[in-house]
Amino acid sequence: MTRRAAAIASRLMALGLLILLIVAALLVPLELISRFTDGQDSLLESRKLLGRIEASVREMQARATAEGERQQTPGADLFVGGTSEGVALAALQTRLAAIAQAAGLRLQSAGELPARTEGALRLIGLRIDMTAAIEPLVEVLHGIETTQPIMLVEVARLRSSQAEGKAEIDASFDVFVAMAASASGED
């Protein structure tokens, strides 16, 4: 009987091993197919995302071209443009007025400062005057420092004043900007 039990046990093990091999033979290809399908889905999603990004880039390029914002010369946005110093000063004044307006202020006056040459740069400038609390003035200075073209505040005059019971500051800033070579008349 022990021989017979050993033979039965051996056959059961062989049968179990056969069943295990059949299950493995079925599951491994199913797992590979599942991973392949997941990879295809991921690839399709990536292609859709790439298509959306490319469409956005094309739209931004078309908008920039339509608005004339595409720069032909690297670094051209660092200088104020214009066909003359007068036009460049007007562009600077418009930019400074927009910065002040964004801070909730209005320029009280803007006056031309003498232009000068520093190395290879032609600097033109305006003196701007405004009255406000400290927070909006800080916003104006931050706007001047962080926008393009690059603007330099060379002189800041601050004087305390009282208006309608509020403490305010009378501020005057001398702001200079470099002109593009074609606008300054120098090459």
Protein backbone atom coordinates (compact mmCIF):
# COMPACT_ATOMS: atom_id res chain seq x y z
CA MET A 1 0.00 0.00 0.00
CA THR A 2 2.84 2.38 0.57
CA ARG A 3 3.87 1.86 -2.98
CA ARG A 4 0.40 2.56 -4.12
CA ALA A 5 0.19 5.71 -1.89
CA ALA A 6 3.53 6.88 -3.23
CA ALA A 7 2.31 6.37 -6.79
CA ILE A 8 -0.92 8.28 -6.07
CA ALA A 9 1.01 11.05 -4.36
CA SER A 10 3.39 11.21 -7.29
CA ARG A 11 0.48 11.40 -9.75
CA LEU A 12 -1.25 14.07 -7.67
CA MET A 13 1.94 16.11 -7.61
CA ALA A 14 2.33 15.73 -11.34
CA LEU A 15 -1.30 16.73 -11.82
CA GLY A 16 -0.84 19.72 -9.52
CA LEU A 17 2.29 20.71 -11.39
CA LEU A 18 0.46 20.35 -14.71
CA ILE A 19 -2.41 22.52 -13.46
CA LEU A 20 0.12 25.08 -12.19
CA LEU A 21 1.85 25.15 -15.59
CA ILE A 22 -1.47 25.52 -17.40
CA VAL A 23 -2.50 28.41 -15.10
CA ALA A 24 0.90 30.05 -15.53
CA ALA A 25 0.70 29.56 -19.30
CA LEU A 26 -2.66 31.37 -19.28
CA LEU A 27 -1.84 34.13 -16.78
CA VAL A 28 1.56 35.23 -18.10
CA PRO A 29 0.27 36.11 -21.57
CA LEU A 30 -2.77 37.83 -20.02
CA GLU A 31 -0.47 39.94 -17.82
CA LEU A 32 1.72 40.80 -20.81
CA ILE A 33 -1.33 41.76 -22.86
CA SER A 34 -2.60 43.91 -19.97
CA ARG A 35 0.74 45.73 -19.65
CA PHE A 36 0.91 46.26 -23.40
CA THR A 37 -2.62 47.69 -23.41
CA ASP A 38 -1.79 50.00 -20.47
CA GLY A 39 1.32 51.14 -22.32
CA GLN A 40 -0.74 51.87 -25.43
CA ASP A 41 -3.27 53.86 -23.37
CA SER A 42 -0.47 55.83 -21.74
CA LEU A 43 1.09 56.51 -25.13
CA LEU A 44 -2.24 57.69 -26.54
CA GLU A 45 -2.73 60.04 -23.57
CA SER A 46 0.80 61.40 -24.03
CA ARG A 47 0.15 61.98 -27.73
CA LYS A 48 -3.09 63.82 -26.92
CA LEU A 49 -1.26 65.99 -24.39
CA LEU A 50 1.51 66.70 -26.90
CA GLY A 51 -1.13 67.69 -29.47
CA ARG A 52 -2.72 70.13 -27.01
CA ILE A 53 0.66 71.61 -26.12
CA GLU A 54 1.62 72.00 -29.79
CA ALA A 55 -1.74 73.67 -30.49
CA SER A 56 -1.17 76.07 -27.59
CA VAL A 57 2.32 76.91 -28.84
CA ARG A 58 0.98 77.54 -32.37
CA GLU A 59 -1.76 79.77 -30.95
CA MET A 60 0.74 81.74 -28.83
CA GLN A 61 3.07 82.16 -31.81
CA ALA A 62 0.21 83.34 -34.00
CA ARG A 63 -0.93 85.78 -31.32
CA ALA A 64 2.60 87.10 -30.85
CA THR A 65 3.04 87.53 -34.58
CA ALA A 66 -0.33 89.25 -34.93
CA GLU A 67 0.46 91.65 -32.09
CA GLY A 68 3.99 92.28 -33.35
CA GLU A 69 5.52 91.01 -30.12
CA ARG A 70 7.91 88.52 -31.66
CA GLN A 71 11.41 89.79 -31.10
CA GLN A 72 13.76 89.66 -34.06
CA THR A 73 16.82 90.52 -31.98
CA PRO A 74 17.71 88.70 -28.76
CA GLY A 75 17.53 91.13 -25.85
CA ALA A 76 15.57 93.76 -27.82
CA ASP A 77 12.95 93.85 -25.05
CA LEU A 78 15.60 95.15 -22.64
CA PHE A 79 15.59 98.56 -24.36
CA VAL A 80 12.85 101.09 -24.96
CA GLY A 81 11.96 101.36 -28.63
CA GLY A 82 11.01 104.29 -30.78
CA THR A 83 12.13 106.13 -33.88
CA SER A 84 13.47 109.07 -31.84
CA GLU A 85 14.18 110.11 -28.26
CA GLY A 86 10.79 111.83 -28.11
CA VAL A 87 8.95 108.69 -29.14
CA ALA A 88 11.02 106.60 -26.72
CA LEU A 89 10.27 109.05 -23.88
CA ALA A 90 6.56 108.83 -24.70
CA ALA A 91 6.79 105.03 -24.57
CA LEU A 92 8.57 105.26 -21.22
CA GLN A 93 5.95 107.64 -19.84
CA THR A 94 3.15 105.35 -21.01
CA ARG A 95 4.84 102.37 -19.35
CA LEU A 96 5.36 104.26 -16.07
CA ALA A 97 1.74 105.49 -16.09
CA ALA A 98 0.54 101.89 -16.57
CA ILE A 99 2.70 100.71 -13.64
CA ALA A 100 1.31 103.52 -11.44
CA GLN A 101 -2.25 102.75 -12.52
CA ALA A 102 -1.76 99.06 -11.67
CA ALA A 103 -0.85 100.19 -8.13
CA GLY A 104 -3.96 102.38 -8.00
CA LEU A 105 -2.06 105.65 -8.49
CA ARG A 106 -1.91 108.43 -11.05
CA LEU A 107 1.22 110.26 -12.11
CA GLN A 108 0.89 113.92 -11.09
CA SER A 109 3.63 114.97 -13.48
CA ALA A 110 6.36 113.59 -15.69
CA GLY A 111 9.26 115.67 -16.92
CA GLU A 112 12.10 114.91 -19.27
CA LEU A 113 15.60 114.53 -17.81
CA PRO A 114 18.77 115.20 -19.81
CA ALA A 115 19.81 112.18 -21.88
CA ARG A 116 23.32 110.85 -21.51
CA THR A 117 25.62 108.14 -22.78
CA GLU A 118 27.00 105.50 -20.41
CA GLY A 119 29.48 103.25 -22.22
CA ALA A 120 27.65 101.81 -25.22
CA LEU A 121 24.19 102.76 -23.88
CA ARG A 122 22.14 105.89 -24.53
CA LEU A 123 20.07 106.58 -21.39
CA ILE A 124 16.95 108.71 -21.47
CA GLY A 125 14.87 109.53 -18.43
CA LEU A 126 11.82 111.03 -16.83
CA ARG A 127 11.18 112.50 -13.40
CA ILE A 128 7.78 111.29 -12.20
CA ASP A 129 5.87 112.73 -9.25
CA MET A 130 3.02 111.20 -7.26
CA THR A 131 1.49 111.31 -3.79
CA ALA A 132 0.34 108.16 -2.02
CA ALA A 133 0.63 105.93 1.01
CA ILE A 134 3.76 103.81 1.29
CA GLU A 135 2.23 100.53 0.04
CA PRO A 136 1.25 101.79 -3.44
CA LEU A 137 4.63 103.49 -3.80
CA VAL A 138 6.36 100.20 -3.01
CA GLU A 139 4.17 98.54 -5.69
CA VAL A 140 5.25 101.19 -8.21
CA LEU A 141 8.93 100.67 -7.39
CA HIS A 142 8.48 96.91 -7.63
CA GLY A 143 6.78 97.31 -11.01
CA ILE A 144 9.61 99.51 -12.26
CA GLU A 145 12.22 97.01 -11.10
CA THR A 146 10.56 93.88 -12.48
CA THR A 147 9.22 94.87 -15.89
CA GLN A 148 10.90 95.22 -19.23
CA PRO A 149 12.45 97.26 -20.64
CA ILE A 150 14.93 97.48 -17.78
CA MET A 151 14.37 100.74 -15.90
CA LEU A 152 16.71 102.31 -13.36
CA VAL A 153 15.54 104.53 -10.50
CA GLU A 154 18.57 106.75 -9.96
CA VAL A 155 17.09 109.26 -7.54
CA ALA A 156 14.13 108.94 -5.18
CA ARG A 157 12.89 111.98 -3.25
CA LEU A 158 10.37 111.25 -0.51
CA ARG A 159 8.68 113.80 1.71
CA SER A 160 5.96 113.20 4.29
CA SER A 161 2.70 115.10 3.84
CA GLN A 162 -0.79 115.22 5.35
CA ALA A 163 -3.79 115.07 3.04
CA GLU A 164 -7.32 114.88 4.43
CA GLY A 165 -6.02 113.61 7.77
CA LYS A 166 -4.05 110.78 6.15
CA ALA A 167 -0.31 110.47 6.25
CA GLU A 168 0.96 110.30 2.68
CA ILE A 169 4.27 110.59 0.92
CA ASP A 170 5.11 113.04 -1.85
CA ALA A 171 7.40 110.97 -4.06
CA SER A 172 9.58 111.92 -6.99
CA PHE A 173 11.58 109.33 -8.93
CA ASP A 174 14.19 109.86 -11.65
CA VAL A 175 13.73 106.85 -13.93
CA PHE A 176 16.15 106.07 -16.77
CA VAL A 177 15.96 103.48 -19.52
CA ALA A 178 18.37 102.50 -22.30
CA MET A 179 17.31 103.19 -25.87
CA ALA A 180 17.65 100.64 -28.63
CA ALA A 181 20.55 101.51 -30.94
CA SER A 182 18.22 102.20 -33.90
CA ALA A 183 16.09 104.59 -31.81
CA SER A 184 19.01 106.48 -30.33
CA GLY A 185 20.53 107.24 -33.69
CA GLU A 186 23.76 105.48 -32.70
CA ASP A 187 24.94 102.17 -34.15
